[in-house]
All heavy atoms as atom14 arrays in JSON, in Angstrom:
{
  "sequence": "VVVAVPLYWTLITSFKAQNRYYASNPLVPSGDPTLE",
  "atom14_mask": [
    [1, 1, 1, 1, 1, 1, 1, 0, 0, 0, 0, 0, 0, 0],
    [1, 1, 1, 1, 1, 1, 1, 0, 0, 0, 0, 0, 0, 0],
    [1, 1, 1, 1, 1, 1, 1, 0, 0, 0, 0, 0, 0, 0],
    [1, 1, 1, 1, 1, 0, 0, 0, 0, 0, 0, 0, 0, 0],
    [1, 1, 1, 1, 1, 1, 1, 0, 0, 0, 0, 0, 0, 0],
    [1, 1, 1, 1, 1, 1, 1, 0, 0, 0, 0, 0, 0, 0],
    [1, 1, 1, 1, 1, 1, 1, 1, 0, 0, 0, 0, 0, 0],
    [1, 1, 1, 1, 1, 1, 1, 1, 1, 1, 1, 1, 0, 0],
    [1, 1, 1, 1, 1, 1, 1, 1, 1, 1, 1, 1, 1, 1],
    [1, 1, 1, 1, 1, 1, 1, 0, 0, 0, 0, 0, 0, 0],
    [1, 1, 1, 1, 1, 1, 1, 1, 0, 0, 0, 0, 0, 0],
    [1, 1, 1, 1, 1, 1, 1, 1, 0, 0, 0, 0, 0, 0],
    [1, 1, 1, 1, 1, 1, 1, 0, 0, 0, 0, 0, 0, 0],
    [1, 1, 1, 1, 1, 1, 0, 0, 0, 0, 0, 0, 0, 0],
    [1, 1, 1, 1, 1, 1, 1, 1, 1, 1, 1, 0, 0, 0],
    [1, 1, 1, 1, 1, 1, 1, 1, 1, 0, 0, 0, 0, 0],
    [1, 1, 1, 1, 1, 0, 0, 0, 0, 0, 0, 0, 0, 0],
    [1, 1, 1, 1, 1, 1, 1, 1, 1, 0, 0, 0, 0, 0],
    [1, 1, 1, 1, 1, 1, 1, 1, 0, 0, 0, 0, 0, 0],
    [1, 1, 1, 1, 1, 1, 1, 1, 1, 1, 1, 0, 0, 0],
    [1, 1, 1, 1, 1, 1, 1, 1, 1, 1, 1, 1, 0, 0],
    [1, 1, 1, 1, 1, 1, 1, 1, 1, 1, 1, 1, 0, 0],
    [1, 1, 1, 1, 1, 0, 0, 0, 0, 0, 0, 0, 0, 0],
    [1, 1, 1, 1, 1, 1, 0, 0, 0, 0, 0, 0, 0, 0],
    [1, 1, 1, 1, 1, 1, 1, 1, 0, 0, 0, 0, 0, 0],
    [1, 1, 1, 1, 1, 1, 1, 0, 0, 0, 0, 0, 0, 0],
    [1, 1, 1, 1, 1, 1, 1, 1, 0, 0, 0, 0, 0, 0],
    [1, 1, 1, 1, 1, 1, 1, 0, 0, 0, 0, 0, 0, 0],
    [1, 1, 1, 1, 1, 1, 1, 0, 0, 0, 0, 0, 0, 0],
    [1, 1, 1, 1, 1, 1, 0, 0, 0, 0, 0, 0, 0, 0],
    [1, 1, 1, 1, 0, 0, 0, 0, 0, 0, 0, 0, 0, 0],
    [1, 1, 1, 1, 1, 1, 1, 1, 0, 0, 0, 0, 0, 0],
    [1, 1, 1, 1, 1, 1, 1, 0, 0, 0, 0, 0, 0, 0],
    [1, 1, 1, 1, 1, 1, 1, 0, 0, 0, 0, 0, 0, 0],
    [1, 1, 1, 1, 1, 1, 1, 1, 0, 0, 0, 0, 0, 0],
    [1, 1, 1, 1, 1, 1, 1, 1, 1, 0, 0, 0, 0, 0]
  ],
  "atom14_positions": [
    [[-19.12, -21.4, -20.77], [-18.36, -20.52, -19.89], [-18.06, -21.2, -18.56], [-16.94, -21.12, -18.03], [-19.12, -19.2, -19.69], [-18.44, -18.33, -18.63], [-19.22, -18.42, -21.0], [0.0, 0.0, 0.0], [0.0, 0.0, 0.0], [0.0, 0.0, 0.0], [0.0, 0.0, 0.0], [0.0, 0.0, 0.0], [0.0, 0.0, 0.0], [0.0, 0.0, 0.0]],
    [[-19.07, -21.9, -18.03], [-18.89, -22.58, -16.75], [-17.79, -23.63, -16.83], [-17.0, -23.83, -15.89], [-20.22, -23.21, -16.29], [-20.02, -24.13, -15.09], [-21.23, -22.13, -15.96], [0.0, 0.0, 0.0], [0.0, 0.0, 0.0], [0.0, 0.0, 0.0], [0.0, 0.0, 0.0], [0.0, 0.0, 0.0], [0.0, 0.0, 0.0], [0.0, 0.0, 0.0]],
    [[-17.69, -24.31, -17.98], [-16.67, -25.36, -18.14], [-15.32, -24.76, -18.51], [-14.27, -25.22, -18.03], [-17.13, -26.38, -19.21], [-16.03, -27.38, -19.51], [-18.39, -27.09, -18.74], [0.0, 0.0, 0.0], [0.0, 0.0, 0.0], [0.0, 0.0, 0.0], [0.0, 0.0, 0.0], [0.0, 0.0, 0.0], [0.0, 0.0, 0.0], [0.0, 0.0, 0.0]],
    [[-15.3, -23.74, -19.36], [-14.05, -23.23, -19.9], [-13.29, -22.37, -18.9], [-12.05, -22.39, -18.88], [-14.32, -22.43, -21.17], [0.0, 0.0, 0.0], [0.0, 0.0, 0.0], [0.0, 0.0, 0.0], [0.0, 0.0, 0.0], [0.0, 0.0, 0.0], [0.0, 0.0, 0.0], [0.0, 0.0, 0.0], [0.0, 0.0, 0.0], [0.0, 0.0, 0.0]],
    [[-14.0, -21.6, -18.06], [-13.31, -20.69, -17.13], [-12.45, -21.45, -16.13], [-11.27, -21.09, -15.92], [-14.34, -19.78, -16.42], [-13.68, -19.02, -15.28], [-14.93, -18.78, -17.42], [0.0, 0.0, 0.0], [0.0, 0.0, 0.0], [0.0, 0.0, 0.0], [0.0, 0.0, 0.0], [0.0, 0.0, 0.0], [0.0, 0.0, 0.0], [0.0, 0.0, 0.0]],
    [[-12.91, -22.53, -15.48], [-12.0, -23.26, -14.58], [-10.79, -23.87, -15.3], [-9.68, -23.88, -14.74], [-12.9, -24.35, -13.99], [-14.27, -23.82, -14.11], [-14.29, -23.05, -15.38], [0.0, 0.0, 0.0], [0.0, 0.0, 0.0], [0.0, 0.0, 0.0], [0.0, 0.0, 0.0], [0.0, 0.0, 0.0], [0.0, 0.0, 0.0], [0.0, 0.0, 0.0]],
    [[-11.0, -24.36, -16.53], [-9.86, -24.9, -17.28], [-8.85, -23.81, -17.61], [-7.63, -24.01, -17.49], [-10.36, -25.57, -18.57], [-11.29, -26.78, -18.39], [-11.74, -27.3, -19.75], [-10.59, -27.88, -17.62], [0.0, 0.0, 0.0], [0.0, 0.0, 0.0], [0.0, 0.0, 0.0], [0.0, 0.0, 0.0], [0.0, 0.0, 0.0], [0.0, 0.0, 0.0]],
    [[-9.36, -22.66, -18.02], [-8.48, -21.52, -18.31], [-7.73, -21.07, -17.07], [-6.51, -20.82, -17.1], [-9.32, -20.38, -18.89], [-8.62, -19.06, -18.97], [-7.66, -18.8, -19.96], [-8.91, -18.05, -18.04], [-7.02, -17.57, -20.01], [-8.27, -16.83, -18.1], [-7.33, -16.59, -19.08], [-6.68, -15.37, -19.14], [0.0, 0.0, 0.0], [0.0, 0.0, 0.0]],
    [[-8.44, -21.0, -15.93], [-7.79, -20.57, -14.69], [-6.74, -21.59, -14.24], [-5.66, -21.22, -13.77], [-8.85, -20.41, -13.61], [-8.29, -20.13, -12.25], [-7.77, -18.95, -11.79], [-8.16, -21.07, -11.18], [-7.33, -19.1, -10.5], [-7.57, -20.39, -10.1], [-8.51, -22.4, -11.02], [-7.31, -21.0, -8.88], [-8.25, -23.02, -9.82], [-7.65, -22.31, -8.76]],
    [[-7.03, -22.87, -14.39], [-6.05, -23.89, -14.01], [-4.79, -23.79, -14.84], [-3.66, -23.9, -14.32], [-6.69, -25.28, -14.17], [-7.84, -25.38, -13.34], [-5.7, -26.37, -13.79], [0.0, 0.0, 0.0], [0.0, 0.0, 0.0], [0.0, 0.0, 0.0], [0.0, 0.0, 0.0], [0.0, 0.0, 0.0], [0.0, 0.0, 0.0], [0.0, 0.0, 0.0]],
    [[-4.94, -23.58, -16.14], [-3.78, -23.54, -17.02], [-2.91, -22.32, -16.76], [-1.68, -22.43, -16.67], [-4.25, -23.57, -18.48], [-3.15, -23.66, -19.54], [-2.36, -24.96, -19.36], [-3.76, -23.6, -20.94], [0.0, 0.0, 0.0], [0.0, 0.0, 0.0], [0.0, 0.0, 0.0], [0.0, 0.0, 0.0], [0.0, 0.0, 0.0], [0.0, 0.0, 0.0]],
    [[-3.51, -21.14, -16.65], [-2.69, -19.93, -16.47], [-2.1, -19.87, -15.06], [-0.99, -19.34, -14.87], [-3.52, -18.67, -16.75], [-4.65, -18.51, -15.72], [-4.06, -18.67, -18.16], [-5.39, -17.19, -15.84], [0.0, 0.0, 0.0], [0.0, 0.0, 0.0], [0.0, 0.0, 0.0], [0.0, 0.0, 0.0], [0.0, 0.0, 0.0], [0.0, 0.0, 0.0]],
    [[-2.78, -20.44, -14.07], [-2.24, -20.4, -12.72], [-1.05, -21.34, -12.56], [-0.15, -21.08, -11.75], [-3.34, -20.77, -11.7], [-4.47, -19.92, -11.91], [-2.86, -20.59, -10.28], [0.0, 0.0, 0.0], [0.0, 0.0, 0.0], [0.0, 0.0, 0.0], [0.0, 0.0, 0.0], [0.0, 0.0, 0.0], [0.0, 0.0, 0.0], [0.0, 0.0, 0.0]],
    [[-1.02, -22.42, -13.34], [0.1, -23.35, -13.23], [1.42, -22.73, -13.69], [2.48, -23.26, -13.38], [-0.19, -24.61, -14.05], [-0.3, -24.31, -15.44], [0.0, 0.0, 0.0], [0.0, 0.0, 0.0], [0.0, 0.0, 0.0], [0.0, 0.0, 0.0], [0.0, 0.0, 0.0], [0.0, 0.0, 0.0], [0.0, 0.0, 0.0], [0.0, 0.0, 0.0]],
    [[1.35, -21.63, -14.42], [2.57, -20.94, -14.89], [2.91, -19.73, -14.03], [3.81, -18.97, -14.38], [2.41, -20.5, -16.35], [2.35, -21.64, -17.32], [1.14, -22.09, -17.81], [3.51, -22.28, -17.73], [1.08, -23.13, -18.71], [3.46, -23.33, -18.63], [2.25, -23.77, -19.11], [0.0, 0.0, 0.0], [0.0, 0.0, 0.0], [0.0, 0.0, 0.0]],
    [[2.19, -19.5, -12.94], [2.48, -18.37, -12.05], [3.39, -18.8, -10.92], [3.36, -19.96, -10.47], [1.18, -17.81, -11.47], [0.27, -17.12, -12.49], [-0.95, -16.54, -11.8], [-1.85, -15.84, -12.81], [-3.05, -15.26, -12.17], [0.0, 0.0, 0.0], [0.0, 0.0, 0.0], [0.0, 0.0, 0.0], [0.0, 0.0, 0.0], [0.0, 0.0, 0.0]],
    [[4.19, -17.85, -10.43], [5.03, -18.12, -9.27], [4.18, -18.11, -8.01], [3.17, -17.41, -7.92], [6.13, -17.08, -9.17], [0.0, 0.0, 0.0], [0.0, 0.0, 0.0], [0.0, 0.0, 0.0], [0.0, 0.0, 0.0], [0.0, 0.0, 0.0], [0.0, 0.0, 0.0], [0.0, 0.0, 0.0], [0.0, 0.0, 0.0], [0.0, 0.0, 0.0]],
    [[4.6, -18.87, -7.0], [3.8, -18.99, -5.79], [3.72, -17.68, -5.03], [2.67, -17.33, -4.48], [4.38, -20.07, -4.89], [3.57, -20.31, -3.62], [4.2, -21.35, -2.71], [5.32, -21.79, -2.96], [3.5, -21.72, -1.66], [0.0, 0.0, 0.0], [0.0, 0.0, 0.0], [0.0, 0.0, 0.0], [0.0, 0.0, 0.0], [0.0, 0.0, 0.0]],
    [[4.81, -16.9, -5.01], [4.79, -15.66, -4.25], [3.96, -14.56, -4.92], [3.64, -13.55, -4.3], [6.22, -15.15, -4.03], [6.98, -15.03, -5.34], [6.44, -15.31, -6.42], [8.25, -14.64, -5.26], [0.0, 0.0, 0.0], [0.0, 0.0, 0.0], [0.0, 0.0, 0.0], [0.0, 0.0, 0.0], [0.0, 0.0, 0.0], [0.0, 0.0, 0.0]],
    [[3.61, -14.75, -6.19], [2.79, -13.75, -6.89], [1.36, -14.22, -7.14], [0.6, -13.52, -7.79], [3.43, -13.41, -8.24], [4.81, -12.78, -8.11], [5.36, -12.41, -9.48], [6.7, -11.83, -9.37], [7.41, -11.41, -10.41], [6.9, -11.53, -11.64], [8.61, -10.9, -10.23], [0.0, 0.0, 0.0], [0.0, 0.0, 0.0], [0.0, 0.0, 0.0]],
    [[1.03, -15.38, -6.62], [-0.3, -15.92, -6.92], [-1.39, -15.09, -6.25], [-2.38, -14.71, -6.89], [-0.37, -17.38, -6.46], [-1.77, -17.94, -6.45], [-2.45, -18.18, -7.64], [-2.42, -18.23, -5.24], [-3.75, -18.68, -7.63], [-3.7, -18.73, -5.23], [-4.36, -18.96, -6.42], [-5.64, -19.44, -6.41], [0.0, 0.0, 0.0], [0.0, 0.0, 0.0]],
    [[-1.24, -14.77, -4.97], [-2.28, -14.05, -4.25], [-2.27, -12.55, -4.54], [-3.24, -11.87, -4.24], [-2.13, -14.27, -2.74], [-2.39, -15.7, -2.32], [-1.33, -16.57, -2.08], [-3.68, -16.18, -2.19], [-1.56, -17.88, -1.69], [-3.92, -17.5, -1.81], [-2.85, -18.33, -1.56], [-3.09, -19.63, -1.19], [0.0, 0.0, 0.0], [0.0, 0.0, 0.0]],
    [[-1.19, -12.05, -5.12], [-1.1, -10.61, -5.39], [-1.55, -10.24, -6.78], [-1.56, -9.06, -7.13], [0.35, -10.13, -5.17], [0.0, 0.0, 0.0], [0.0, 0.0, 0.0], [0.0, 0.0, 0.0], [0.0, 0.0, 0.0], [0.0, 0.0, 0.0], [0.0, 0.0, 0.0], [0.0, 0.0, 0.0], [0.0, 0.0, 0.0], [0.0, 0.0, 0.0]],
    [[-1.93, -11.21, -7.61], [-2.31, -10.94, -9.0], [-3.77, -11.3, -9.22], [-4.39, -12.01, -8.43], [-1.42, -11.73, -9.96], [-1.57, -13.12, -9.75], [0.0, 0.0, 0.0], [0.0, 0.0, 0.0], [0.0, 0.0, 0.0], [0.0, 0.0, 0.0], [0.0, 0.0, 0.0], [0.0, 0.0, 0.0], [0.0, 0.0, 0.0], [0.0, 0.0, 0.0]],
    [[-4.29, -10.79, -10.33], [-5.66, -11.12, -10.72], [-5.72, -12.59, -11.12], [-4.94, -13.03, -11.97], [-6.09, -10.23, -11.87], [-7.58, -10.33, -12.16], [-8.23, -11.31, -11.81], [-8.12, -9.32, -12.81], [0.0, 0.0, 0.0], [0.0, 0.0, 0.0], [0.0, 0.0, 0.0], [0.0, 0.0, 0.0], [0.0, 0.0, 0.0], [0.0, 0.0, 0.0]],
    [[-6.63, -13.38, -10.56], [-6.62, -14.81, -10.87], [-6.96, -15.13, -12.32], [-6.61, -16.23, -12.79], [-7.67, -15.37, -9.91], [-8.53, -14.23, -9.55], [-7.65, -13.03, -9.56], [0.0, 0.0, 0.0], [0.0, 0.0, 0.0], [0.0, 0.0, 0.0], [0.0, 0.0, 0.0], [0.0, 0.0, 0.0], [0.0, 0.0, 0.0], [0.0, 0.0, 0.0]],
    [[-7.62, -14.24, -13.04], [-8.02, -14.52, -14.42], [-7.12, -13.84, -15.44], [-7.39, -13.91, -16.64], [-9.47, -14.07, -14.65], [-10.53, -14.81, -13.84], [-11.92, -14.27, -14.15], [-10.48, -16.31, -14.09], [0.0, 0.0, 0.0], [0.0, 0.0, 0.0], [0.0, 0.0, 0.0], [0.0, 0.0, 0.0], [0.0, 0.0, 0.0], [0.0, 0.0, 0.0]],
    [[-6.05, -13.21, -15.0], [-5.11, -12.54, -15.9], [-3.83, -13.38, -15.95], [-3.27, -13.71, -14.89], [-4.81, -11.11, -15.44], [-3.76, -10.47, -16.34], [-6.09, -10.29, -15.45], [0.0, 0.0, 0.0], [0.0, 0.0, 0.0], [0.0, 0.0, 0.0], [0.0, 0.0, 0.0], [0.0, 0.0, 0.0], [0.0, 0.0, 0.0], [0.0, 0.0, 0.0]],
    [[-3.34, -13.74, -17.14], [-2.09, -14.51, -17.2], [-0.91, -13.74, -16.64], [-0.9, -12.5, -16.61], [-1.92, -14.78, -18.71], [-3.28, -14.59, -19.3], [-3.95, -13.54, -18.46], [0.0, 0.0, 0.0], [0.0, 0.0, 0.0], [0.0, 0.0, 0.0], [0.0, 0.0, 0.0], [0.0, 0.0, 0.0], [0.0, 0.0, 0.0], [0.0, 0.0, 0.0]],
    [[0.06, -14.47, -16.17], [1.24, -13.85, -15.58], [2.09, -13.18, -16.66], [2.22, -13.68, -17.78], [2.07, -14.9, -14.85], [3.26, -14.34, -14.34], [0.0, 0.0, 0.0], [0.0, 0.0, 0.0], [0.0, 0.0, 0.0], [0.0, 0.0, 0.0], [0.0, 0.0, 0.0], [0.0, 0.0, 0.0], [0.0, 0.0, 0.0], [0.0, 0.0, 0.0]],
    [[2.65, -12.03, -16.29], [3.52, -11.32, -17.23], [4.83, -12.03, -17.46], [5.43, -11.92, -18.53], [0.0, 0.0, 0.0], [0.0, 0.0, 0.0], [0.0, 0.0, 0.0], [0.0, 0.0, 0.0], [0.0, 0.0, 0.0], [0.0, 0.0, 0.0], [0.0, 0.0, 0.0], [0.0, 0.0, 0.0], [0.0, 0.0, 0.0], [0.0, 0.0, 0.0]],
    [[5.31, -12.75, -16.46], [6.54, -13.54, -16.6], [6.25, -14.98, -16.21], [6.49, -15.39, -15.06], [7.66, -12.95, -15.73], [7.2, -12.71, -14.31], [5.97, -12.77, -14.06], [8.06, -12.48, -13.42], [0.0, 0.0, 0.0], [0.0, 0.0, 0.0], [0.0, 0.0, 0.0], [0.0, 0.0, 0.0], [0.0, 0.0, 0.0], [0.0, 0.0, 0.0]],
    [[5.68, -15.78, -17.11], [5.36, -17.18, -16.78], [6.62, -17.97, -16.46], [7.71, -17.7, -16.99], [4.66, -17.69, -18.04], [5.13, -16.79, -19.13], [5.36, -15.45, -18.51], [0.0, 0.0, 0.0], [0.0, 0.0, 0.0], [0.0, 0.0, 0.0], [0.0, 0.0, 0.0], [0.0, 0.0, 0.0], [0.0, 0.0, 0.0], [0.0, 0.0, 0.0]],
    [[6.46, -18.96, -15.61], [7.59, -19.79, -15.19], [7.2, -21.26, -15.23], [6.02, -21.61, -15.08], [8.02, -19.4, -13.77], [9.08, -20.26, -13.35], [6.87, -19.53, -12.79], [0.0, 0.0, 0.0], [0.0, 0.0, 0.0], [0.0, 0.0, 0.0], [0.0, 0.0, 0.0], [0.0, 0.0, 0.0], [0.0, 0.0, 0.0], [0.0, 0.0, 0.0]],
    [[8.18, -22.1, -15.43], [8.0, -23.55, -15.4], [8.48, -24.16, -14.09], [8.67, -25.38, -14.0], [8.75, -24.19, -16.57], [8.27, -23.83, -17.98], [9.18, -24.46, -19.03], [6.83, -24.29, -18.19], [0.0, 0.0, 0.0], [0.0, 0.0, 0.0], [0.0, 0.0, 0.0], [0.0, 0.0, 0.0], [0.0, 0.0, 0.0], [0.0, 0.0, 0.0]],
    [[8.66, -23.31, -13.07], [9.16, -23.79, -11.79], [8.18, -24.77, -11.14], [8.6, -25.74, -10.5], [9.4, -22.6, -10.86], [10.01, -22.96, -9.51], [11.42, -23.52, -9.63], [12.09, -23.25, -10.65], [11.84, -24.23, -8.69], [0.0, 0.0, 0.0], [0.0, 0.0, 0.0], [0.0, 0.0, 0.0], [0.0, 0.0, 0.0], [0.0, 0.0, 0.0]]
  ]
}
């Protein structure tokens, strides 16, 4: 869990928009992922 959670958080956060990063749950994937 200690190893997998940071990897999971890194991957899902890379698909989030910058303006919605602080307003969303950090461990929940974005509803509208982006490649921006």
